[in-house]
Amino acid sequence: MKYLVKEISEGNCDITLLPENLSDRNLLTEPRERAEKELQFHFEDALRNELHQNAAFVSLNFEESNYPKRVNVNYQIIEN
């Protein structure tokens, strides 16, 4: 899965999941209850790889999202 991440403001961004194969496309069509953990993994991976390696997922803003393909998430940078 590839990701397109657009930072909206500090601590808030949009993540668009871009499927690379049939398995990825199928994941996006799964019922939310069955795919939620795997999708959250992809959202967290996108934050770490595209924004900051210490970015941590805080919450998903469903009202501003087109779940699961495009989501608006809150995150924070964890200082070590």
PDB file of N, CA and C in Angstrom:
ATOM      1  N   MET A   1       0.857  -1.170   0.000  1.00  0.00           N
ATOM      2  CA  MET A   1       0.000   0.000   0.000  1.00  0.00           C
ATOM      3  C   MET A   1       0.902   1.232   0.000  1.00  0.00           C
ATOM      4  N   LYS A   2       0.558   2.178  -0.844  1.00  0.00           N
ATOM      5  CA  LYS A   2       1.248   3.468  -0.827  1.00  0.00           C
ATOM      6  C   LYS A   2       0.339   4.468  -0.140  1.00  0.00           C
ATOM      7  N   TYR A   3       0.931   5.603   0.241  1.00  0.00           N
ATOM      8  CA  TYR A   3       0.192   6.605   0.998  1.00  0.00           C
ATOM      9  C   TYR A   3       0.446   7.989   0.425  1.00  0.00           C
ATOM     10  N   LEU A   4      -0.567   8.817   0.500  1.00  0.00           N
ATOM     11  CA  LEU A   4      -0.440  10.238   0.216  1.00  0.00           C
ATOM     12  C   LEU A   4      -0.841  10.943   1.502  1.00  0.00           C
ATOM     13  N   VAL A   5       0.102  11.689   2.085  1.00  0.00           N
ATOM     14  CA  VAL A   5      -0.149  12.353   3.364  1.00  0.00           C
ATOM     15  C   VAL A   5      -0.075  13.856   3.153  1.00  0.00           C
ATOM     16  N   LYS A   6      -1.119  14.545   3.592  1.00  0.00           N
ATOM     17  CA  LYS A   6      -1.172  16.006   3.485  1.00  0.00           C
ATOM     18  C   LYS A   6      -1.384  16.567   4.881  1.00  0.00           C
ATOM     19  N   GLU A   7      -0.380  17.295   5.367  1.00  0.00           N
ATOM     20  CA  GLU A   7      -0.507  17.888   6.700  1.00  0.00           C
ATOM     21  C   GLU A   7      -1.442  19.087   6.616  1.00  0.00           C
ATOM     22  N   ILE A   8      -2.473  19.096   7.451  1.00  0.00           N
ATOM     23  CA  ILE A   8      -3.454  20.180   7.490  1.00  0.00           C
ATOM     24  C   ILE A   8      -2.985  21.247   8.471  1.00  0.00           C
ATOM     25  N   SER A   9      -2.583  20.812   9.631  1.00  0.00           N
ATOM     26  CA  SER A   9      -2.045  21.695  10.664  1.00  0.00           C
ATOM     27  C   SER A   9      -1.195  20.830  11.585  1.00  0.00           C
ATOM     28  N   GLU A  10      -0.516  21.453  12.519  1.00  0.00           N
ATOM     29  CA  GLU A  10       0.296  20.678  13.445  1.00  0.00           C
ATOM     30  C   GLU A  10      -0.600  19.711  14.218  1.00  0.00           C
ATOM     31  N   GLY A  11      -0.305  18.431  14.104  1.00  0.00           N
ATOM     32  CA  GLY A  11      -1.089  17.425  14.800  1.00  0.00           C
ATOM     33  C   GLY A  11      -2.307  16.921  14.056  1.00  0.00           C
ATOM     34  N   ASN A  12      -2.496  17.353  12.786  1.00  0.00           N
ATOM     35  CA  ASN A  12      -3.656  16.924  12.012  1.00  0.00           C
ATOM     36  C   ASN A  12      -3.258  16.760  10.550  1.00  0.00           C
ATOM     37  N   CYS A  13      -3.673  15.654   9.936  1.00  0.00           N
ATOM     38  CA  CYS A  13      -3.357  15.447   8.524  1.00  0.00           C
ATOM     39  C   CYS A  13      -4.403  14.555   7.867  1.00  0.00           C
ATOM     40  N   ASP A  14      -4.414  14.596   6.541  1.00  0.00           N
ATOM     41  CA  ASP A  14      -5.212  13.683   5.732  1.00  0.00           C
ATOM     42  C   ASP A  14      -4.284  12.597   5.216  1.00  0.00           C
ATOM     43  N   ILE A  15      -4.748  11.354   5.252  1.00  0.00           N
ATOM     44  CA  ILE A  15      -4.000  10.231   4.704  1.00  0.00           C
ATOM     45  C   ILE A  15      -4.888   9.557   3.667  1.00  0.00           C
ATOM     46  N   THR A  16      -4.370   9.435   2.449  1.00  0.00           N
ATOM     47  CA  THR A  16      -5.070   8.709   1.398  1.00  0.00           C
ATOM     48  C   THR A  16      -4.322   7.415   1.149  1.00  0.00           C
ATOM     49  N   LEU A  17      -5.038   6.300   1.217  1.00  0.00           N
ATOM     50  CA  LEU A  17      -4.444   4.998   0.942  1.00  0.00           C
ATOM     51  C   LEU A  17      -4.535   4.732  -0.556  1.00  0.00           C
ATOM     52  N   LEU A  18      -3.401   4.363  -1.159  1.00  0.00           N
ATOM     53  CA  LEU A  18      -3.332   4.100  -2.589  1.00  0.00           C
ATOM     54  C   LEU A  18      -2.994   2.623  -2.792  1.00  0.00           C
ATOM     55  N   PRO A  19      -3.992   1.793  -3.106  1.00  0.00           N
ATOM     56  CA  PRO A  19      -3.742   0.358  -3.236  1.00  0.00           C
ATOM     57  C   PRO A  19      -2.795   0.055  -4.393  1.00  0.00           C
ATOM     58  N   GLU A  20      -1.874  -0.885  -4.143  1.00  0.00           N
ATOM     59  CA  GLU A  20      -0.898  -1.278  -5.161  1.00  0.00           C
ATOM     60  C   GLU A  20      -1.239  -2.609  -5.819  1.00  0.00           C
ATOM     61  N   ASN A  21      -2.112  -3.394  -5.202  1.00  0.00           N
ATOM     62  CA  ASN A  21      -2.422  -4.709  -5.755  1.00  0.00           C
ATOM     63  C   ASN A  21      -3.845  -5.107  -5.351  1.00  0.00           C
ATOM     64  N   LEU A  22      -4.236  -6.279  -5.790  1.00  0.00           N
ATOM     65  CA  LEU A  22      -5.590  -6.758  -5.522  1.00  0.00           C
ATOM     66  C   LEU A  22      -5.853  -6.920  -4.030  1.00  0.00           C
ATOM     67  N   SER A  23      -4.874  -7.392  -3.298  1.00  0.00           N
ATOM     68  CA  SER A  23      -5.030  -7.558  -1.852  1.00  0.00           C
ATOM     69  C   SER A  23      -5.322  -6.217  -1.177  1.00  0.00           C
ATOM     70  N   ASP A  24      -4.590  -5.171  -1.581  1.00  0.00           N
ATOM     71  CA  ASP A  24      -4.828  -3.832  -1.031  1.00  0.00           C
ATOM     72  C   ASP A  24      -6.230  -3.340  -1.379  1.00  0.00           C
ATOM     73  N   ARG A  25      -6.635  -3.535  -2.617  1.00  0.00           N
ATOM     74  CA  ARG A  25      -7.979  -3.101  -3.039  1.00  0.00           C
ATOM     75  C   ARG A  25      -9.059  -3.842  -2.259  1.00  0.00           C
ATOM     76  N   ASN A  26      -8.849  -5.135  -2.050  1.00  0.00           N
ATOM     77  CA  ASN A  26      -9.825  -5.918  -1.285  1.00  0.00           C
ATOM     78  C   ASN A  26      -9.918  -5.430   0.151  1.00  0.00           C
ATOM     79  N   LEU A  27      -8.790  -5.052   0.740  1.00  0.00           N
ATOM     80  CA  LEU A  27      -8.791  -4.544   2.112  1.00  0.00           C
ATOM     81  C   LEU A  27      -9.683  -3.309   2.231  1.00  0.00           C
ATOM     82  N   LEU A  28      -9.640  -2.444   1.229  1.00  0.00           N
ATOM     83  CA  LEU A  28     -10.436  -1.216   1.273  1.00  0.00           C
ATOM     84  C   LEU A  28     -11.932  -1.478   1.122  1.00  0.00           C
ATOM     85  N   THR A  29     -12.306  -2.661   0.667  1.00  0.00           N
ATOM     86  CA  THR A  29     -13.727  -2.981   0.528  1.00  0.00           C
ATOM     87  C   THR A  29     -14.253  -3.851   1.664  1.00  0.00           C
ATOM     88  N   GLU A  30     -13.373  -4.292   2.551  1.00  0.00           N
ATOM     89  CA  GLU A  30     -13.783  -5.114   3.701  1.00  0.00           C
ATOM     90  C   GLU A  30     -14.677  -4.306   4.641  1.00  0.00           C
ATOM     91  N   PRO A  31     -15.605  -4.968   5.312  1.00  0.00           N
ATOM     92  CA  PRO A  31     -16.371  -4.283   6.358  1.00  0.00           C
ATOM     93  C   PRO A  31     -15.424  -3.721   7.417  1.00  0.00           C
ATOM     94  N   ARG A  32     -15.757  -2.576   7.923  1.00  0.00           N
ATOM     95  CA  ARG A  32     -14.887  -1.856   8.855  1.00  0.00           C
ATOM     96  C   ARG A  32     -14.461  -2.713  10.047  1.00  0.00           C
ATOM     97  N   GLU A  33     -15.375  -3.482  10.597  1.00  0.00           N
ATOM     98  CA  GLU A  33     -15.072  -4.268  11.788  1.00  0.00           C
ATOM     99  C   GLU A  33     -13.970  -5.287  11.523  1.00  0.00           C
ATOM    100  N   ARG A  34     -13.946  -5.858  10.317  1.00  0.00           N
ATOM    101  CA  ARG A  34     -12.960  -6.899  10.002  1.00  0.00           C
ATOM    102  C   ARG A  34     -11.606  -6.320   9.630  1.00  0.00           C
ATOM    103  N   ALA A  35     -11.566  -5.143   9.040  1.00  0.00           N
ATOM    104  CA  ALA A  35     -10.321  -4.597   8.510  1.00  0.00           C
ATOM    105  C   ALA A  35      -9.724  -3.490   9.361  1.00  0.00           C
ATOM    106  N   GLU A  36     -10.396  -3.084  10.425  1.00  0.00           N
ATOM    107  CA  GLU A  36     -10.000  -1.891  11.174  1.00  0.00           C
ATOM    108  C   GLU A  36      -8.557  -1.937  11.683  1.00  0.00           C
ATOM    109  N   LYS A  37      -8.119  -3.052  12.257  1.00  0.00           N
ATOM    110  CA  LYS A  37      -6.754  -3.122  12.802  1.00  0.00           C
ATOM    111  C   LYS A  37      -5.703  -3.027  11.706  1.00  0.00           C
ATOM    112  N   GLU A  38      -5.928  -3.712  10.592  1.00  0.00           N
ATOM    113  CA  GLU A  38      -4.962  -3.655   9.500  1.00  0.00           C
ATOM    114  C   GLU A  38      -4.926  -2.262   8.876  1.00  0.00           C
ATOM    115  N   LEU A  39      -6.079  -1.626   8.745  1.00  0.00           N
ATOM    116  CA  LEU A  39      -6.113  -0.268   8.210  1.00  0.00           C
ATOM    117  C   LEU A  39      -5.409   0.699   9.151  1.00  0.00           C
ATOM    118  N   GLN A  40      -5.621   0.558  10.451  1.00  0.00           N
ATOM    119  CA  GLN A  40      -4.944   1.440  11.402  1.00  0.00           C
ATOM    120  C   GLN A  40      -3.435   1.267  11.302  1.00  0.00           C
ATOM    121  N   PHE A  41      -2.964   0.039  11.071  1.00  0.00           N
ATOM    122  CA  PHE A  41      -1.533  -0.184  10.859  1.00  0.00           C
ATOM    123  C   PHE A  41      -1.044   0.667   9.692  1.00  0.00           C
ATOM    124  N   HIS A  42      -1.800   0.691   8.596  1.00  0.00           N
ATOM    125  CA  HIS A  42      -1.401   1.478   7.425  1.00  0.00           C
ATOM    126  C   HIS A  42      -1.408   2.976   7.735  1.00  0.00           C
ATOM    127  N   PHE A  43      -2.392   3.444   8.505  1.00  0.00           N
ATOM    128  CA  PHE A  43      -2.425   4.862   8.870  1.00  0.00           C
ATOM    129  C   PHE A  43      -1.198   5.220   9.711  1.00  0.00           C
ATOM    130  N   GLU A  44      -0.853   4.364  10.673  1.00  0.00           N
ATOM    131  CA  GLU A  44       0.311   4.614  11.529  1.00  0.00           C
ATOM    132  C   GLU A  44       1.604   4.551  10.724  1.00  0.00           C
ATOM    133  N   ASP A  45       1.685   3.604   9.805  1.00  0.00           N
ATOM    134  CA  ASP A  45       2.863   3.479   8.951  1.00  0.00           C
ATOM    135  C   ASP A  45       3.030   4.726   8.085  1.00  0.00           C
ATOM    136  N   ALA A  46       1.931   5.236   7.555  1.00  0.00           N
ATOM    137  CA  ALA A  46       1.985   6.456   6.743  1.00  0.00           C
ATOM    138  C   ALA A  46       2.488   7.636   7.566  1.00  0.00           C
ATOM    139  N   LEU A  47       2.012   7.768   8.796  1.00  0.00           N
ATOM    140  CA  LEU A  47       2.476   8.860   9.661  1.00  0.00           C
ATOM    141  C   LEU A  47       3.980   8.771   9.883  1.00  0.00           C
ATOM    142  N   ARG A  48       4.468   7.580  10.236  1.00  0.00           N
ATOM    143  CA  ARG A  48       5.896   7.405  10.535  1.00  0.00           C
ATOM    144  C   ARG A  48       6.767   7.594   9.303  1.00  0.00           C
ATOM    145  N   ASN A  49       6.312   7.117   8.156  1.00  0.00           N
ATOM    146  CA  ASN A  49       7.137   7.185   6.951  1.00  0.00           C
ATOM    147  C   ASN A  49       7.040   8.509   6.211  1.00  0.00           C
ATOM    148  N   GLU A  50       5.918   9.184   6.316  1.00  0.00           N
ATOM    149  CA  GLU A  50       5.715  10.399   5.531  1.00  0.00           C
ATOM    150  C   GLU A  50       5.835  11.692   6.331  1.00  0.00           C
ATOM    151  N   LEU A  51       5.572  11.657   7.634  1.00  0.00           N
ATOM    152  CA  LEU A  51       5.626  12.879   8.441  1.00  0.00           C
ATOM    153  C   LEU A  51       6.826  12.910   9.372  1.00  0.00           C
ATOM    154  N   HIS A  52       6.914  11.914  10.253  1.00  0.00           N
ATOM    155  CA  HIS A  52       7.979  11.903  11.262  1.00  0.00           C
ATOM    156  C   HIS A  52       8.059  10.503  11.842  1.00  0.00           C
ATOM    157  N   GLN A  53       9.271   9.988  12.011  1.00  0.00           N
ATOM    158  CA  GLN A  53       9.405   8.607  12.490  1.00  0.00           C
ATOM    159  C   GLN A  53       8.862   8.409  13.897  1.00  0.00           C
ATOM    160  N   ASN A  54       8.701   9.487  14.666  1.00  0.00           N
ATOM    161  CA  ASN A  54       8.149   9.385  16.017  1.00  0.00           C
ATOM    162  C   ASN A  54       6.691   9.832  16.088  1.00  0.00           C
ATOM    163  N   ALA A  55       6.030   9.907  14.929  1.00  0.00           N
ATOM    164  CA  ALA A  55       4.617  10.291  14.917  1.00  0.00           C
ATOM    165  C   ALA A  55       3.774   9.135  15.439  1.00  0.00           C
ATOM    166  N   ALA A  56       2.832   9.450  16.306  1.00  0.00           N
ATOM    167  CA  ALA A  56       1.936   8.444  16.880  1.00  0.00           C
ATOM    168  C   ALA A  56       0.492   8.813  16.570  1.00  0.00           C
ATOM    169  N   PHE A  57      -0.265   7.837  16.118  1.00  0.00           N
ATOM    170  CA  PHE A  57      -1.683   7.996  15.829  1.00  0.00           C
ATOM    171  C   PHE A  57      -2.419   8.298  17.130  1.00  0.00           C
ATOM    172  N   VAL A  58      -3.269   9.333  17.127  1.00  0.00           N
ATOM    173  CA  VAL A  58      -4.056   9.682  18.312  1.00  0.00           C
ATOM    174  C   VAL A  58      -5.526   9.336  18.092  1.00  0.00           C
ATOM    175  N   SER A  59      -6.114   9.852  17.015  1.00  0.00           N
ATOM    176  CA  SER A  59      -7.534   9.579  16.770  1.00  0.00           C
ATOM    177  C   SER A  59      -7.878   9.805  15.306  1.00  0.00           C
ATOM    178  N   LEU A  60      -8.992   9.226  14.915  1.00  0.00           N
ATOM    179  CA  LEU A  60      -9.513   9.336  13.563  1.00  0.00           C
ATOM    180  C   LEU A  60     -10.733  10.240  13.595  1.00  0.00           C
ATOM    181  N   ASN A  61     -10.797  11.208  12.692  1.00  0.00           N
ATOM    182  CA  ASN A  61     -11.930  12.135  12.608  1.00  0.00           C
ATOM    183  C   ASN A  61     -12.891  11.636  11.522  1.00  0.00           C
ATOM    184  N   PHE A  62     -13.846  10.795  11.920  1.00  0.00           N
ATOM    185  CA  PHE A  62     -14.751  10.177  10.948  1.00  0.00           C
ATOM    186  C   PHE A  62     -15.566  11.200  10.172  1.00  0.00           C
ATOM    187  N   GLU A  63     -15.999  12.280  10.825  1.00  0.00           N
ATOM    188  CA  GLU A  63     -16.848  13.258  10.144  1.00  0.00           C
ATOM    189  C   GLU A  63     -16.115  13.988   9.023  1.00  0.00           C
ATOM    190  N   GLU A  64     -14.791  13.988   9.036  1.00  0.00           N
ATOM    191  CA  GLU A  64     -14.015  14.657   7.991  1.00  0.00           C
ATOM    192  C   GLU A  64     -13.296  13.656   7.097  1.00  0.00           C
ATOM    193  N   SER A  65     -13.746  12.414   7.112  1.00  0.00           N
ATOM    194  CA  SER A  65     -13.066  11.352   6.383  1.00  0.00           C
ATOM    195  C   SER A  65     -13.985  10.697   5.365  1.00  0.00           C
ATOM    196  N   ASN A  66     -13.360  10.083   4.377  1.00  0.00           N
ATOM    197  CA  ASN A  66     -14.045   9.194   3.446  1.00  0.00           C
ATOM    198  C   ASN A  66     -13.465   7.804   3.715  1.00  0.00           C
ATOM    199  N   TYR A  67     -13.781   7.296   4.911  1.00  0.00           N
ATOM    200  CA  TYR A  67     -13.194   6.049   5.417  1.00  0.00           C
ATOM    201  C   TYR A  67     -13.544   4.896   4.496  1.00  0.00           C
ATOM    202  N   PRO A  68     -12.630   3.999   4.172  1.00  0.00           N
ATOM    203  CA  PRO A  68     -11.247   3.938   4.626  1.00  0.00           C
ATOM    204  C   PRO A  68     -10.245   4.560   3.664  1.00  0.00           C
ATOM    205  N   LYS A  69     -10.670   4.937   2.455  1.00  0.00           N
ATOM    206  CA  LYS A  69      -9.697   5.397   1.457  1.00  0.00           C
ATOM    207  C   LYS A  69      -8.987   6.686   1.857  1.00  0.00           C
ATOM    208  N   ARG A  70      -9.726   7.680   2.347  1.00  0.00           N
ATOM    209  CA  ARG A  70      -9.096   8.922   2.802  1.00  0.00           C
ATOM    210  C   ARG A  70      -9.590   9.203   4.198  1.00  0.00           C
ATOM    211  N   VAL A  71      -8.643   9.436   5.092  1.00  0.00           N
ATOM    212  CA  VAL A  71      -9.009   9.699   6.481  1.00  0.00           C
ATOM    213  C   VAL A  71      -8.322  10.958   6.976  1.00  0.00           C
ATOM    214  N   ASN A  72      -8.961  11.593   7.936  1.00  0.00           N
ATOM    215  CA  ASN A  72      -8.371  12.731   8.624  1.00  0.00           C
ATOM    216  C   ASN A  72      -8.023  12.245  10.023  1.00  0.00           C
ATOM    217  N   VAL A  73      -6.747  12.381  10.391  1.00  0.00           N
ATOM    218  CA  VAL A  73      -6.296  11.859  11.681  1.00  0.00           C
ATOM    219  C   VAL A  73      -5.596  12.931  12.502  1.00  0.00           C
ATOM    220  N   ASN A  74      -5.675  12.749  13.797  1.00  0.00           N
ATOM    221  CA  ASN A  74      -4.889  13.546  14.727  1.00  0.00           C
ATOM    222  C   ASN A  74      -3.702  12.692  15.141  1.00  0.00           C
ATOM    223  N   TYR A  75      -2.552  13.330  15.274  1.00  0.00           N
ATOM    224  CA  TYR A  75      -1.347  12.618  15.666  1.00  0.00           C
ATOM    225  C   TYR A  75      -0.524  13.503  16.579  1.00  0.00           C
ATOM    226  N   GLN A  76       0.471  12.906  17.202  1.00  0.00           N
ATOM    227  CA  GLN A  76       1.420  13.695  17.981  1.00  0.00           C
ATOM    228  C   GLN A  76       2.804  13.109  17.776  1.00  0.00           C
ATOM    229  N   ILE A  77       3.813  13.953  17.952  1.00  0.00           N
ATOM    230  CA  ILE A  77       5.203  13.516  17.863  1.00  0.00           C
ATOM    231  C   ILE A  77       5.653  13.145  19.269  1.00  0.00           C
ATOM    232  N   ILE A  78       6.109  11.914  19.431  1.00  0.00           N
ATOM    233  CA  ILE A  78       6.581  11.424  20.724  1.00  0.00           C
ATOM    234  C   ILE A  78       8.077  11.718  20.829  1.00  0.00           C
ATOM    235  N   GLU A  79       8.438  12.498  21.825  1.00  0.00           N
ATOM    236  CA  GLU A  79       9.852  12.820  22.049  1.00  0.00           C
ATOM    237  C   GLU A  79      10.490  11.728  22.892  1.00  0.00           C
ATOM    238  N   ASN A  80      11.672  11.301  22.488  1.00  0.00           N
ATOM    239  CA  ASN A  80      12.381  10.256  23.248  1.00  0.00           C
ATOM    240  C   ASN A  80      13.257  10.849  24.310  1.00  0.00           C
TER     241      ASN A  80
END
